Amino acid sequence: MTTIVPARAPALRALTLCLHLLVLGLLVLAVGRALAGDRPHTGLVIAAAVTCGLVYAAGPVVPRVRRARP
């Protein structure tokens, strides 16, 4: 069975790109603030940001789950 994926509209692609950049920016901001300040849990913040980034990046790789209609 072949599945045809429709092309995304340019506006949807732009919104998706902006969302990815926003998430990346927030993770970089969290790591930057953790490194700039003398905080007791800098390593934890960096580890959490890296983990969140990896999980977010793995999202498109994981196949979609579709429920069968009864």
Protein backbone atom coordinates (compact mmCIF):
# COMPACT_ATOMS: atom_id res chain seq x y z
CA MET A 1 0.00 0.00 0.00
CA THR A 2 1.51 3.30 -1.02
CA THR A 3 0.82 6.43 0.92
CA ILE A 4 0.88 9.76 -0.81
CA VAL A 5 1.87 12.61 1.47
CA PRO A 6 0.44 15.95 0.32
CA ALA A 7 2.83 18.87 0.00
CA ARG A 8 2.67 21.34 2.85
CA ALA A 9 1.56 24.87 2.23
CA PRO A 10 4.33 27.50 2.40
CA ALA A 11 2.73 29.11 5.45
CA LEU A 12 2.67 25.80 7.31
CA ARG A 13 6.33 25.20 6.47
CA ALA A 14 7.20 28.67 7.77
CA LEU A 15 5.29 28.07 11.01
CA THR A 16 7.00 24.71 11.48
CA LEU A 17 10.41 26.28 10.94
CA CYS A 18 9.60 29.06 13.42
CA LEU A 19 8.49 26.48 16.00
CA HIS A 20 11.75 24.55 15.62
CA LEU A 21 13.80 27.73 15.92
CA LEU A 22 11.83 28.78 19.01
CA VAL A 23 12.45 25.46 20.76
CA LEU A 24 16.13 25.58 19.83
CA GLY A 25 16.40 29.17 21.07
CA LEU A 26 14.77 28.35 24.38
CA LEU A 27 17.09 25.39 24.94
CA VAL A 28 20.14 27.50 24.09
CA LEU A 29 18.88 30.24 26.41
CA ALA A 30 18.46 27.76 29.27
CA VAL A 31 21.98 26.39 28.77
CA GLY A 32 23.43 29.89 28.43
CA ARG A 33 21.81 31.08 31.64
CA ALA A 34 22.97 27.97 33.46
CA LEU A 35 26.55 28.54 32.31
CA ALA A 36 26.55 32.30 32.94
CA GLY A 37 25.35 32.19 36.54
CA ASP A 38 26.82 30.45 39.53
CA ARG A 39 23.97 28.04 39.98
CA PRO A 40 24.29 24.84 42.00
CA HIS A 41 22.60 22.63 39.37
CA THR A 42 24.31 23.74 36.15
CA GLY A 43 25.06 20.17 35.08
CA LEU A 44 21.47 19.10 35.63
CA VAL A 45 20.12 22.01 33.59
CA ILE A 46 22.49 21.23 30.72
CA ALA A 47 21.64 17.52 30.84
CA ALA A 48 17.92 18.28 30.86
CA ALA A 49 18.24 20.69 27.93
CA VAL A 50 20.26 18.18 25.90
CA THR A 51 17.78 15.41 26.70
CA CYS A 52 14.82 17.60 25.71
CA GLY A 53 16.58 18.56 22.49
CA LEU A 54 17.29 14.94 21.60
CA VAL A 55 13.72 13.85 22.31
CA TYR A 56 12.41 16.78 20.27
CA ALA A 57 14.75 15.93 17.39
CA ALA A 58 13.75 12.26 17.50
CA GLY A 59 10.07 13.14 17.02
CA PRO A 60 10.09 13.27 13.22
CA VAL A 61 12.08 10.02 13.02
CA VAL A 62 9.57 7.99 15.02
CA PRO A 63 6.77 6.64 12.80
CA ARG A 64 3.33 8.11 13.29
CA VAL A 65 0.76 6.08 15.17
CA ARG A 66 -2.60 6.00 13.48
CA ARG A 67 -5.63 4.41 15.00
CA ALA A 68 -7.65 2.12 12.80
CA ARG A 69 -11.24 3.11 12.39
CA PRO A 70 -13.65 0.50 13.76
